[in-house]
């Protein structure tokens, strides 16, 4: 059974930092493109960042220069380091794993990030 478990969310002040983790079981993330998405209340889920095989990364324009996605294949975990957080970054953050070979896709349950003073 595949599980993606996000952690690390919470309440942080503007310009603060958080690191989200997504621990995978039942799959080997080395074989997957790992993505972070987020969804704010009343808005559609939006792409945040991805780490493809070979550690190739991409980011949404809104987070470039502030967020960093990284994977640790040995720990089967992907991270999202978020710096210089803004109130508009507040959302539930979801981890996604997609196999480039089979297109199987798996989602985590999400972790809440709230940026507020």
PDB file of N, CA and C in Angstrom:
ATOM      1  N   UNK A   1       0.844  -1.183   0.000  1.00  0.00           N
ATOM      2  CA  UNK A   1       0.000   0.000   0.000  1.00  0.00           C
ATOM      3  C   UNK A   1       0.893   1.252   0.000  1.00  0.00           C
ATOM      4  N   UNK A   2       0.576   2.171  -0.912  1.00  0.00           N
ATOM      5  CA  UNK A   2       1.375   3.378  -1.038  1.00  0.00           C
ATOM      6  C   UNK A   2       0.865   4.439  -0.061  1.00  0.00           C
ATOM      7  N   UNK A   3       1.805   5.046   0.640  1.00  0.00           N
ATOM      8  CA  UNK A   3       1.455   6.155   1.522  1.00  0.00           C
ATOM      9  C   UNK A   3       2.446   7.288   1.346  1.00  0.00           C
ATOM     10  N   UNK A   4       1.922   8.505   1.272  1.00  0.00           N
ATOM     11  CA  UNK A   4       2.736   9.714   1.316  1.00  0.00           C
ATOM     12  C   UNK A   4       2.263  10.489   2.540  1.00  0.00           C
ATOM     13  N   UNK A   5       3.171  10.748   3.455  1.00  0.00           N
ATOM     14  CA  UNK A   5       2.803  11.413   4.702  1.00  0.00           C
ATOM     15  C   UNK A   5       3.549  12.730   4.808  1.00  0.00           C
ATOM     16  N   UNK A   6       2.794  13.826   4.728  1.00  0.00           N
ATOM     17  CA  UNK A   6       3.398  15.151   4.857  1.00  0.00           C
ATOM     18  C   UNK A   6       3.466  15.559   6.320  1.00  0.00           C
ATOM     19  N   UNK A   7       4.462  16.351   6.644  1.00  0.00           N
ATOM     20  CA  UNK A   7       4.603  16.908   7.990  1.00  0.00           C
ATOM     21  C   UNK A   7       5.382  18.213   7.902  1.00  0.00           C
ATOM     22  N   UNK A   8       5.377  18.959   9.010  1.00  0.00           N
ATOM     23  CA  UNK A   8       6.178  20.175   9.072  1.00  0.00           C
ATOM     24  C   UNK A   8       5.387  21.456   8.923  1.00  0.00           C
ATOM     25  N   UNK A   9       4.105  21.348   8.656  1.00  0.00           N
ATOM     26  CA  UNK A   9       3.296  22.556   8.548  1.00  0.00           C
ATOM     27  C   UNK A   9       3.065  23.194   9.901  1.00  0.00           C
ATOM     28  N   UNK A  10       2.470  24.394   9.872  1.00  0.00           N
ATOM     29  CA  UNK A  10       2.185  25.079  11.112  1.00  0.00           C
ATOM     30  C   UNK A  10       1.942  26.551  10.885  1.00  0.00           C
ATOM     31  N   UNK A  11       1.968  27.296  11.982  1.00  0.00           N
ATOM     32  CA  UNK A  11       1.781  28.740  11.949  1.00  0.00           C
ATOM     33  C   UNK A  11       3.135  29.422  12.009  1.00  0.00           C
ATOM     34  N   UNK A  12       3.365  30.348  11.102  1.00  0.00           N
ATOM     35  CA  UNK A  12       4.632  31.063  11.054  1.00  0.00           C
ATOM     36  C   UNK A  12       4.356  32.523  10.715  1.00  0.00           C
ATOM     37  N   UNK A  13       5.213  33.396  11.201  1.00  0.00           N
ATOM     38  CA  UNK A  13       5.052  34.819  10.920  1.00  0.00           C
ATOM     39  C   UNK A  13       5.570  35.148   9.518  1.00  0.00           C
ATOM     40  N   UNK A  14       5.066  36.215   8.925  1.00  0.00           N
ATOM     41  CA  UNK A  14       5.600  36.641   7.617  1.00  0.00           C
ATOM     42  C   UNK A  14       7.111  36.809   7.679  1.00  0.00           C
ATOM     43  N   UNK A  15       7.760  36.418   6.582  1.00  0.00           N
ATOM     44  CA  UNK A  15       9.219  36.425   6.422  1.00  0.00           C
ATOM     45  C   UNK A  15       9.892  35.272   7.183  1.00  0.00           C
ATOM     46  N   UNK A  16       9.086  34.412   7.790  1.00  0.00           N
ATOM     47  CA  UNK A  16       9.634  33.247   8.465  1.00  0.00           C
ATOM     48  C   UNK A  16       9.866  32.087   7.509  1.00  0.00           C
ATOM     49  N   UNK A  17      10.298  30.954   8.082  1.00  0.00           N
ATOM     50  CA  UNK A  17      10.636  29.763   7.295  1.00  0.00           C
ATOM     51  C   UNK A  17       9.975  28.528   7.875  1.00  0.00           C
ATOM     52  N   UNK A  18       9.706  27.575   7.003  1.00  0.00           N
ATOM     53  CA  UNK A  18       9.243  26.249   7.389  1.00  0.00           C
ATOM     54  C   UNK A  18       9.853  25.234   6.436  1.00  0.00           C
ATOM     55  N   UNK A  19      10.023  24.002   6.913  1.00  0.00           N
ATOM     56  CA  UNK A  19      10.433  22.921   6.020  1.00  0.00           C
ATOM     57  C   UNK A  19       9.397  21.826   6.092  1.00  0.00           C
ATOM     58  N   UNK A  20       8.798  21.531   4.969  1.00  0.00           N
ATOM     59  CA  UNK A  20       7.841  20.442   4.871  1.00  0.00           C
ATOM     60  C   UNK A  20       8.565  19.164   4.459  1.00  0.00           C
ATOM     61  N   UNK A  21       8.069  18.052   4.960  1.00  0.00           N
ATOM     62  CA  UNK A  21       8.599  16.742   4.581  1.00  0.00           C
ATOM     63  C   UNK A  21       7.472  15.886   4.030  1.00  0.00           C
ATOM     64  N   UNK A  22       7.820  15.018   3.111  1.00  0.00           N
ATOM     65  CA  UNK A  22       6.876  14.040   2.565  1.00  0.00           C
ATOM     66  C   UNK A  22       7.588  12.695   2.563  1.00  0.00           C
ATOM     67  N   UNK A  23       7.202  11.846   3.502  1.00  0.00           N
ATOM     68  CA  UNK A  23       7.813  10.528   3.623  1.00  0.00           C
ATOM     69  C   UNK A  23       6.969   9.511   2.867  1.00  0.00           C
ATOM     70  N   UNK A  24       7.612   8.779   1.966  1.00  0.00           N
ATOM     71  CA  UNK A  24       6.898   7.818   1.130  1.00  0.00           C
ATOM     72  C   UNK A  24       7.150   6.396   1.607  1.00  0.00           C
ATOM     73  N   UNK A  25       6.115   5.578   1.487  1.00  0.00           N
ATOM     74  CA  UNK A  25       6.247   4.141   1.720  1.00  0.00           C
ATOM     75  C   UNK A  25       5.437   3.424   0.657  1.00  0.00           C
ATOM     76  N   UNK A  26       5.888   2.230   0.301  1.00  0.00           N
ATOM     77  CA  UNK A  26       5.201   1.469  -0.737  1.00  0.00           C
ATOM     78  C   UNK A  26       5.657   1.787  -2.145  1.00  0.00           C
ATOM     79  N   UNK A  27       6.462   2.819  -2.291  1.00  0.00           N
ATOM     80  CA  UNK A  27       7.081   3.167  -3.570  1.00  0.00           C
ATOM     81  C   UNK A  27       8.517   3.576  -3.302  1.00  0.00           C
ATOM     82  N   UNK A  28       9.305   3.614  -4.358  1.00  0.00           N
ATOM     83  CA  UNK A  28      10.672   4.123  -4.287  1.00  0.00           C
ATOM     84  C   UNK A  28      10.693   5.436  -5.033  1.00  0.00           C
ATOM     85  N   UNK A  29      10.888   6.541  -4.308  1.00  0.00           N
ATOM     86  CA  UNK A  29      10.714   7.844  -4.957  1.00  0.00           C
ATOM     87  C   UNK A  29      11.746   8.091  -6.047  1.00  0.00           C
ATOM     88  N   UNK A  30      12.831   7.322  -6.040  1.00  0.00           N
ATOM     89  CA  UNK A  30      13.836   7.462  -7.097  1.00  0.00           C
ATOM     90  C   UNK A  30      13.200   7.289  -8.475  1.00  0.00           C
ATOM     91  N   UNK A  31      12.137   6.484  -8.527  1.00  0.00           N
ATOM     92  CA  UNK A  31      11.488   6.182  -9.800  1.00  0.00           C
ATOM     93  C   UNK A  31      10.322   7.112 -10.112  1.00  0.00           C
ATOM     94  N   UNK A  32      10.152   8.144  -9.288  1.00  0.00           N
ATOM     95  CA  UNK A  32       8.989   9.012  -9.409  1.00  0.00           C
ATOM     96  C   UNK A  32       9.400  10.477  -9.541  1.00  0.00           C
ATOM     97  N   UNK A  33       8.555  11.236 -10.238  1.00  0.00           N
ATOM     98  CA  UNK A  33       8.605  12.681 -10.159  1.00  0.00           C
ATOM     99  C   UNK A  33       7.806  13.093  -8.932  1.00  0.00           C
ATOM    100  N   UNK A  34       8.442  13.859  -8.068  1.00  0.00           N
ATOM    101  CA  UNK A  34       7.804  14.285  -6.825  1.00  0.00           C
ATOM    102  C   UNK A  34       7.424  15.762  -6.942  1.00  0.00           C
ATOM    103  N   UNK A  35       6.199  16.076  -6.581  1.00  0.00           N
ATOM    104  CA  UNK A  35       5.704  17.443  -6.698  1.00  0.00           C
ATOM    105  C   UNK A  35       5.059  17.888  -5.393  1.00  0.00           C
ATOM    106  N   UNK A  36       5.104  19.176  -5.180  1.00  0.00           N
ATOM    107  CA  UNK A  36       4.325  19.814  -4.124  1.00  0.00           C
ATOM    108  C   UNK A  36       3.280  20.701  -4.793  1.00  0.00           C
ATOM    109  N   UNK A  37       2.070  20.607  -4.275  1.00  0.00           N
ATOM    110  CA  UNK A  37       0.966  21.472  -4.674  1.00  0.00           C
ATOM    111  C   UNK A  37       0.425  22.150  -3.419  1.00  0.00           C
ATOM    112  N   UNK A  38      -0.375  23.171  -3.614  1.00  0.00           N
ATOM    113  CA  UNK A  38      -1.046  23.789  -2.470  1.00  0.00           C
ATOM    114  C   UNK A  38      -2.451  24.241  -2.872  1.00  0.00           C
ATOM    115  N   UNK A  39      -3.303  24.322  -1.873  1.00  0.00           N
ATOM    116  CA  UNK A  39      -4.673  24.761  -2.111  1.00  0.00           C
ATOM    117  C   UNK A  39      -5.114  25.646  -0.966  1.00  0.00           C
ATOM    118  N   UNK A  40      -5.433  26.888  -1.305  1.00  0.00           N
ATOM    119  CA  UNK A  40      -5.954  27.843  -0.328  1.00  0.00           C
ATOM    120  C   UNK A  40      -7.480  27.783  -0.345  1.00  0.00           C
ATOM    121  N   UNK A  41      -8.123  28.190   0.724  1.00  0.00           N
ATOM    122  CA  UNK A  41      -9.586  28.151   0.774  1.00  0.00           C
ATOM    123  C   UNK A  41     -10.214  28.919  -0.389  1.00  0.00           C
ATOM    124  N   UNK A  42     -11.153  28.283  -1.072  1.00  0.00           N
ATOM    125  CA  UNK A  42     -11.849  28.923  -2.176  1.00  0.00           C
ATOM    126  C   UNK A  42     -11.071  28.992  -3.468  1.00  0.00           C
ATOM    127  N   UNK A  43      -9.875  28.400  -3.490  1.00  0.00           N
ATOM    128  CA  UNK A  43      -9.055  28.445  -4.697  1.00  0.00           C
ATOM    129  C   UNK A  43      -8.768  27.041  -5.195  1.00  0.00           C
ATOM    130  N   UNK A  44      -8.355  26.962  -6.465  1.00  0.00           N
ATOM    131  CA  UNK A  44      -7.981  25.669  -7.024  1.00  0.00           C
ATOM    132  C   UNK A  44      -6.605  25.259  -6.524  1.00  0.00           C
ATOM    133  N   UNK A  45      -6.386  23.957  -6.531  1.00  0.00           N
ATOM    134  CA  UNK A  45      -5.070  23.450  -6.182  1.00  0.00           C
ATOM    135  C   UNK A  45      -4.081  23.926  -7.238  1.00  0.00           C
ATOM    136  N   UNK A  46      -2.902  24.385  -6.785  1.00  0.00           N
ATOM    137  CA  UNK A  46      -1.915  24.908  -7.727  1.00  0.00           C
ATOM    138  C   UNK A  46      -0.559  24.252  -7.507  1.00  0.00           C
ATOM    139  N   UNK A  47       0.172  24.159  -8.599  1.00  0.00           N
ATOM    140  CA  UNK A  47       1.519  23.596  -8.588  1.00  0.00           C
ATOM    141  C   UNK A  47       2.465  24.531  -7.851  1.00  0.00           C
ATOM    142  N   UNK A  48       3.358  23.941  -7.062  1.00  0.00           N
ATOM    143  CA  UNK A  48       4.358  24.728  -6.344  1.00  0.00           C
ATOM    144  C   UNK A  48       5.766  24.406  -6.834  1.00  0.00           C
ATOM    145  N   UNK A  49       6.115  23.124  -6.825  1.00  0.00           N
ATOM    146  CA  UNK A  49       7.484  22.746  -7.176  1.00  0.00           C
ATOM    147  C   UNK A  49       7.529  21.277  -7.523  1.00  0.00           C
ATOM    148  N   UNK A  50       8.531  20.905  -8.326  1.00  0.00           N
ATOM    149  CA  UNK A  50       8.721  19.492  -8.628  1.00  0.00           C
ATOM    150  C   UNK A  50      10.192  19.131  -8.682  1.00  0.00           C
ATOM    151  N   UNK A  51      10.448  17.858  -8.371  1.00  0.00           N
ATOM    152  CA  UNK A  51      11.771  17.272  -8.493  1.00  0.00           C
ATOM    153  C   UNK A  51      11.628  16.018  -9.342  1.00  0.00           C
ATOM    154  N   UNK A  52      12.160  16.089 -10.534  1.00  0.00           N
ATOM    155  CA  UNK A  52      12.078  14.942 -11.428  1.00  0.00           C
ATOM    156  C   UNK A  52      13.279  14.033 -11.204  1.00  0.00           C
ATOM    157  N   UNK A  53      13.251  12.875 -11.858  1.00  0.00           N
ATOM    158  CA  UNK A  53      14.397  11.976 -11.780  1.00  0.00           C
ATOM    159  C   UNK A  53      15.629  12.732 -12.285  1.00  0.00           C
ATOM    160  N   UNK A  54      16.748  12.505 -11.633  1.00  0.00           N
ATOM    161  CA  UNK A  54      17.945  13.252 -11.967  1.00  0.00           C
ATOM    162  C   UNK A  54      18.012  14.577 -11.232  1.00  0.00           C
ATOM    163  N   UNK A  55      17.095  14.769 -10.270  1.00  0.00           N
ATOM    164  CA  UNK A  55      17.088  15.954  -9.414  1.00  0.00           C
ATOM    165  C   UNK A  55      16.856  17.233 -10.204  1.00  0.00           C
ATOM    166  N   UNK A  56      16.183  17.137 -11.348  1.00  0.00           N
ATOM    167  CA  UNK A  56      15.834  18.329 -12.117  1.00  0.00           C
ATOM    168  C   UNK A  56      14.630  18.975 -11.443  1.00  0.00           C
ATOM    169  N   UNK A  57      14.737  20.260 -11.163  1.00  0.00           N
ATOM    170  CA  UNK A  57      13.689  20.939 -10.399  1.00  0.00           C
ATOM    171  C   UNK A  57      12.997  22.027 -11.222  1.00  0.00           C
ATOM    172  N   UNK A  58      11.741  22.271 -10.854  1.00  0.00           N
ATOM    173  CA  UNK A  58      10.967  23.369 -11.441  1.00  0.00           C
ATOM    174  C   UNK A  58      10.136  24.007 -10.351  1.00  0.00           C
ATOM    175  N   UNK A  59       9.830  25.287 -10.528  1.00  0.00           N
ATOM    176  CA  UNK A  59       9.080  26.020  -9.512  1.00  0.00           C
ATOM    177  C   UNK A  59       8.027  26.907 -10.154  1.00  0.00           C
ATOM    178  N   UNK A  60       6.961  27.126  -9.405  1.00  0.00           N
ATOM    179  CA  UNK A  60       6.001  28.148  -9.800  1.00  0.00           C
ATOM    180  C   UNK A  60       6.677  29.514  -9.666  1.00  0.00           C
ATOM    181  N   UNK A  61       6.284  30.446 -10.535  1.00  0.00           N
ATOM    182  CA  UNK A  61       6.901  31.775 -10.495  1.00  0.00           C
ATOM    183  C   UNK A  61       6.729  32.440  -9.138  1.00  0.00           C
ATOM    184  N   UNK A  62       5.605  32.158  -8.489  1.00  0.00           N
ATOM    185  CA  UNK A  62       5.292  32.822  -7.219  1.00  0.00           C
ATOM    186  C   UNK A  62       6.217  32.407  -6.081  1.00  0.00           C
ATOM    187  N   UNK A  63       6.952  31.290  -6.239  1.00  0.00           N
ATOM    188  CA  UNK A  63       7.808  30.818  -5.144  1.00  0.00           C
ATOM    189  C   UNK A  63       9.283  30.772  -5.525  1.00  0.00           C
ATOM    190  N   UNK A  64       9.604  31.072  -6.784  1.00  0.00           N
ATOM    191  CA  UNK A  64      11.004  31.024  -7.221  1.00  0.00           C
ATOM    192  C   UNK A  64      11.864  31.936  -6.368  1.00  0.00           C
ATOM    193  N   UNK A  65      13.006  31.420  -5.962  1.00  0.00           N
ATOM    194  CA  UNK A  65      13.927  32.188  -5.145  1.00  0.00           C
ATOM    195  C   UNK A  65      13.632  32.130  -3.657  1.00  0.00           C
ATOM    196  N   UNK A  66      12.459  31.593  -3.293  1.00  0.00           N
ATOM    197  CA  UNK A  66      12.091  31.503  -1.876  1.00  0.00           C
ATOM    198  C   UNK A  66      11.944  30.052  -1.412  1.00  0.00           C
ATOM    199  N   UNK A  67      11.465  29.190  -2.294  1.00  0.00           N
ATOM    200  CA  UNK A  67      11.234  27.781  -1.947  1.00  0.00           C
ATOM    201  C   UNK A  67      12.279  26.911  -2.634  1.00  0.00           C
ATOM    202  N   UNK A  68      12.637  25.824  -1.983  1.00  0.00           N
ATOM    203  CA  UNK A  68      13.559  24.858  -2.557  1.00  0.00           C
ATOM    204  C   UNK A  68      13.030  23.454  -2.317  1.00  0.00           C
ATOM    205  N   UNK A  69      12.917  22.669  -3.390  1.00  0.00           N
ATOM    206  CA  UNK A  69      12.521  21.275  -3.277  1.00  0.00           C
ATOM    207  C   UNK A  69      13.773  20.414  -3.327  1.00  0.00           C
ATOM    208  N   UNK A  70      13.804  19.411  -2.483  1.00  0.00           N
ATOM    209  CA  UNK A  70      14.952  18.511  -2.458  1.00  0.00           C
ATOM    210  C   UNK A  70      14.458  17.110  -2.125  1.00  0.00           C
ATOM    211  N   UNK A  71      15.151  16.119  -2.637  1.00  0.00           N
ATOM    212  CA  UNK A  71      14.782  14.743  -2.337  1.00  0.00           C
ATOM    213  C   UNK A  71      15.970  14.021  -1.731  1.00  0.00           C
ATOM    214  N   UNK A  72      15.668  13.120  -0.822  1.00  0.00           N
ATOM    215  CA  UNK A  72      16.668  12.229  -0.251  1.00  0.00           C
ATOM    216  C   UNK A  72      16.209  10.818  -0.594  1.00  0.00           C
ATOM    217  N   UNK A  73      16.751  10.276  -1.660  1.00  0.00           N
ATOM    218  CA  UNK A  73      16.300   8.962  -2.108  1.00  0.00           C
ATOM    219  C   UNK A  73      16.592   7.878  -1.071  1.00  0.00           C
ATOM    220  N   UNK A  74      17.665   8.047  -0.320  1.00  0.00           N
ATOM    221  CA  UNK A  74      18.011   7.044   0.691  1.00  0.00           C
ATOM    222  C   UNK A  74      16.951   6.996   1.794  1.00  0.00           C
ATOM    223  N   UNK A  75      16.393   8.158   2.113  1.00  0.00           N
ATOM    224  CA  UNK A  75      15.349   8.219   3.145  1.00  0.00           C
ATOM    225  C   UNK A  75      13.952   8.114   2.541  1.00  0.00           C
ATOM    226  N   UNK A  76      13.882   8.045   1.208  1.00  0.00           N
ATOM    227  CA  UNK A  76      12.598   7.973   0.519  1.00  0.00           C
ATOM    228  C   UNK A  76      11.690   9.149   0.898  1.00  0.00           C
ATOM    229  N   UNK A  77      12.290  10.313   0.976  1.00  0.00           N
ATOM    230  CA  UNK A  77      11.601  11.502   1.464  1.00  0.00           C
ATOM    231  C   UNK A  77      11.917  12.695   0.564  1.00  0.00           C
ATOM    232  N   UNK A  78      10.914  13.542   0.362  1.00  0.00           N
ATOM    233  CA  UNK A  78      11.114  14.793  -0.368  1.00  0.00           C
ATOM    234  C   UNK A  78      10.774  15.938   0.571  1.00  0.00           C
ATOM    235  N   UNK A  79      11.482  17.035   0.396  1.00  0.00           N
ATOM    236  CA  UNK A  79      11.331  18.183   1.278  1.00  0.00           C
ATOM    237  C   UNK A  79      10.955  19.427   0.492  1.00  0.00           C
ATOM    238  N   UNK A  80      10.351  20.365   1.186  1.00  0.00           N
ATOM    239  CA  UNK A  80      10.112  21.677   0.612  1.00  0.00           C
ATOM    240  C   UNK A  80      10.546  22.712   1.647  1.00  0.00           C
ATOM    241  N   UNK A  81      11.684  23.340   1.395  1.00  0.00           N
ATOM    242  CA  UNK A  81      12.167  24.405   2.266  1.00  0.00           C
ATOM    243  C   UNK A  81      11.529  25.706   1.806  1.00  0.00           C
ATOM    244  N   UNK A  82      10.829  26.355   2.712  1.00  0.00           N
ATOM    245  CA  UNK A  82      10.098  27.579   2.375  1.00  0.00           C
ATOM    246  C   UNK A  82      10.658  28.723   3.208  1.00  0.00           C
ATOM    247  N   UNK A  83      11.219  29.704   2.536  1.00  0.00           N
ATOM    248  CA  UNK A  83      11.785  30.881   3.194  1.00  0.00           C
ATOM    249  C   UNK A  83      11.015  32.137   2.777  1.00  0.00           C
ATOM    250  N   UNK A  84      11.206  33.192   3.534  1.00  0.00           N
ATOM    251  CA  UNK A  84      10.568  34.480   3.230  1.00  0.00           C
ATOM    252  C   UNK A  84       9.083  34.305   2.971  1.00  0.00           C
ATOM    253  N   UNK A  85       8.425  33.598   3.872  1.00  0.00           N
ATOM    254  CA  UNK A  85       7.013  33.270   3.671  1.00  0.00           C
ATOM    255  C   UNK A  85       6.141  34.517   3.712  1.00  0.00           C
ATOM    256  N   UNK A  86       5.084  34.472   2.922  1.00  0.00           N
ATOM    257  CA  UNK A  86       4.129  35.574   2.812  1.00  0.00           C
ATOM    258  C   UNK A  86       2.742  35.065   3.204  1.00  0.00           C
ATOM    259  N   UNK A  87       1.865  35.951   3.620  1.00  0.00           N
ATOM    260  CA  UNK A  87       0.504  35.509   3.959  1.00  0.00           C
ATOM    261  C   UNK A  87      -0.166  34.756   2.811  1.00  0.00           C
ATOM    262  N   UNK A  88       0.147  35.140   1.578  1.00  0.00           N
ATOM    263  CA  UNK A  88      -0.465  34.466   0.427  1.00  0.00           C
ATOM    264  C   UNK A  88       0.079  33.061   0.200  1.00  0.00           C
ATOM    265  N   UNK A  89       1.072  32.658   0.945  1.00  0.00           N
ATOM    266  CA  UNK A  89       1.553  31.278   0.888  1.00  0.00           C
ATOM    267  C   UNK A  89       0.709  30.347   1.768  1.00  0.00           C
ATOM    268  N   UNK A  90      -0.195  30.910   2.546  1.00  0.00           N
ATOM    269  CA  UNK A  90      -1.037  30.103   3.426  1.00  0.00           C
ATOM    270  C   UNK A  90      -1.920  29.168   2.598  1.00  0.00           C
ATOM    271  N   UNK A  91      -1.887  27.900   2.922  1.00  0.00           N
ATOM    272  CA  UNK A  91      -2.633  26.892   2.157  1.00  0.00           C
ATOM    273  C   UNK A  91      -2.397  25.529   2.783  1.00  0.00           C
ATOM    274  N   UNK A  92      -3.148  24.553   2.313  1.00  0.00           N
ATOM    275  CA  UNK A  92      -2.814  23.166   2.599  1.00  0.00           C
ATOM    276  C   UNK A  92      -1.843  22.713   1.508  1.00  0.00           C
ATOM    277  N   UNK A  93      -0.717  22.171   1.921  1.00  0.00           N
ATOM    278  CA  UNK A  93       0.313  21.723   0.993  1.00  0.00           C
ATOM    279  C   UNK A  93       0.242  20.207   0.856  1.00  0.00           C
ATOM    280  N   UNK A  94       0.228  19.764  -0.404  1.00  0.00           N
ATOM    281  CA  UNK A  94       0.102  18.347  -0.715  1.00  0.00           C
ATOM    282  C   UNK A  94       1.334  17.847  -1.462  1.00  0.00           C
ATOM    283  N   UNK A  95       1.702  16.630  -1.154  1.00  0.00           N
ATOM    284  CA  UNK A  95       2.786  15.946  -1.842  1.00  0.00           C
ATOM    285  C   UNK A  95       2.177  14.997  -2.885  1.00  0.00           C
ATOM    286  N   UNK A  96       2.796  14.937  -4.042  1.00  0.00           N
ATOM    287  CA  UNK A  96       2.324  14.085  -5.141  1.00  0.00           C
ATOM    288  C   UNK A  96       3.505  13.304  -5.706  1.00  0.00           C
ATOM    289  N   UNK A  97       3.271  12.031  -5.988  1.00  0.00           N
ATOM    290  CA  UNK A  97       4.279  11.197  -6.628  1.00  0.00           C
ATOM    291  C   UNK A  97       3.699  10.624  -7.904  1.00  0.00           C
ATOM    292  N   UNK A  98       4.367  10.841  -9.022  1.00  0.00           N
ATOM    293  CA  UNK A  98       3.904  10.331 -10.313  1.00  0.00           C
ATOM    294  C   UNK A  98       5.016   9.544 -10.973  1.00  0.00           C
ATOM    295  N   UNK A  99       4.683   8.325 -11.376  1.00  0.00           N
ATOM    296  CA  UNK A  99       5.649   7.483 -12.057  1.00  0.00           C
ATOM    297  C   UNK A  99       5.730   7.885 -13.521  1.00  0.00           C
ATOM    298  N   UNK A 100       6.931   8.184 -13.990  1.00  0.00           N
ATOM    299  CA  UNK A 100       7.100   8.541 -15.393  1.00  0.00           C
ATOM    300  C   UNK A 100       6.917   7.319 -16.293  1.00  0.00           C
ATOM    301  N   UNK A 101       7.067   6.121 -15.730  1.00  0.00           N
ATOM    302  CA  UNK A 101       6.952   4.899 -16.531  1.00  0.00           C
ATOM    303  C   UNK A 101       5.491   4.450 -16.676  1.00  0.00           C
ATOM    304  N   UNK A 102       4.757   4.464 -15.568  1.00  0.00           N
ATOM    305  CA  UNK A 102       3.393   3.923 -15.571  1.00  0.00           C
ATOM    306  C   UNK A 102       2.322   5.001 -15.442  1.00  0.00           C
ATOM    307  N   UNK A 103       2.717   6.211 -15.098  1.00  0.00           N
ATOM    308  CA  UNK A 103       1.817   7.331 -14.826  1.00  0.00           C
ATOM    309  C   UNK A 103       0.950   7.094 -13.588  1.00  0.00           C
ATOM    310  N   UNK A 104       1.267   6.077 -12.789  1.00  0.00           N
ATOM    311  CA  UNK A 104       0.596   5.924 -11.499  1.00  0.00           C
ATOM    312  C   UNK A 104       0.826   7.200 -10.690  1.00  0.00           C
ATOM    313  N   UNK A 105      -0.203   7.649  -9.993  1.00  0.00           N
ATOM    314  CA  UNK A 105      -0.103   8.882  -9.222  1.00  0.00           C
ATOM    315  C   UNK A 105      -0.641   8.659  -7.818  1.00  0.00           C
ATOM    316  N   UNK A 106       0.069   9.223  -6.845  1.00  0.00           N
ATOM    317  CA  UNK A 106      -0.315   9.078  -5.453  1.00  0.00           C
ATOM    318  C   UNK A 106      -0.245  10.428  -4.766  1.00  0.00           C
ATOM    319  N   UNK A 107      -1.171  10.666  -3.844  1.00  0.00           N
ATOM    320  CA  UNK A 107      -1.247  11.933  -3.121  1.00  0.00           C
ATOM    321  C   UNK A 107      -1.154  11.692  -1.619  1.00  0.00           C
ATOM    322  N   UNK A 108      -0.582  12.665  -0.936  1.00  0.00           N
ATOM    323  CA  UNK A 108      -0.618  12.671   0.516  1.00  0.00           C
ATOM    324  C   UNK A 108      -1.884  13.346   1.012  1.00  0.00           C
ATOM    325  N   UNK A 109      -2.009  13.394   2.336  1.00  0.00           N
ATOM    326  CA  UNK A 109      -3.225  13.929   2.937  1.00  0.00           C
ATOM    327  C   UNK A 109      -3.165  15.441   3.142  1.00  0.00           C
ATOM    328  N   UNK A 110      -1.986  16.009   3.017  1.00  0.00           N
ATOM    329  CA  UNK A 110      -1.833  17.454   3.137  1.00  0.00           C
ATOM    330  C   UNK A 110      -1.401  17.903   4.519  1.00  0.00           C
ATOM    331  N   UNK A 111      -0.736  19.056   4.548  1.00  0.00           N
ATOM    332  CA  UNK A 111      -0.338  19.677   5.815  1.00  0.00           C
ATOM    333  C   UNK A 111      -0.611  21.174   5.708  1.00  0.00           C
ATOM    334  N   UNK A 112      -1.175  21.732   6.760  1.00  0.00           N
ATOM    335  CA  UNK A 112      -1.601  23.134   6.743  1.00  0.00           C
ATOM    336  C   UNK A 112      -0.421  24.060   7.034  1.00  0.00           C
ATOM    337  N   UNK A 113      -0.294  25.086   6.211  1.00  0.00           N
ATOM    338  CA  UNK A 113       0.683  26.148   6.446  1.00  0.00           C
ATOM    339  C   UNK A 113      -0.091  27.460   6.557  1.00  0.00           C
ATOM    340  N   UNK A 114       0.107  28.154   7.656  1.00  0.00           N
ATOM    341  CA  UNK A 114      -0.545  29.437   7.871  1.00  0.00           C
ATOM    342  C   UNK A 114       0.516  30.488   8.157  1.00  0.00           C
ATOM    343  N   UNK A 115       0.523  31.535   7.340  1.00  0.00           N
ATOM    344  CA  UNK A 115       1.483  32.621   7.503  1.00  0.00           C
ATOM    345  C   UNK A 115       0.712  33.851   7.966  1.00  0.00           C
ATOM    346  N   UNK A 116       0.948  34.217   9.207  1.00  0.00           N
ATOM    347  CA  UNK A 116       0.173  35.307   9.796  1.00  0.00           C
ATOM    348  C   UNK A 116       0.919  35.888  10.984  1.00  0.00           C
ATOM    349  N   UNK A 117       0.746  37.195  11.174  1.00  0.00           N
ATOM    350  CA  UNK A 117       1.332  37.837  12.352  1.00  0.00           C
ATOM    351  C   UNK A 117       0.309  37.873  13.492  1.00  0.00           C
TER     352      UNK A 117
END
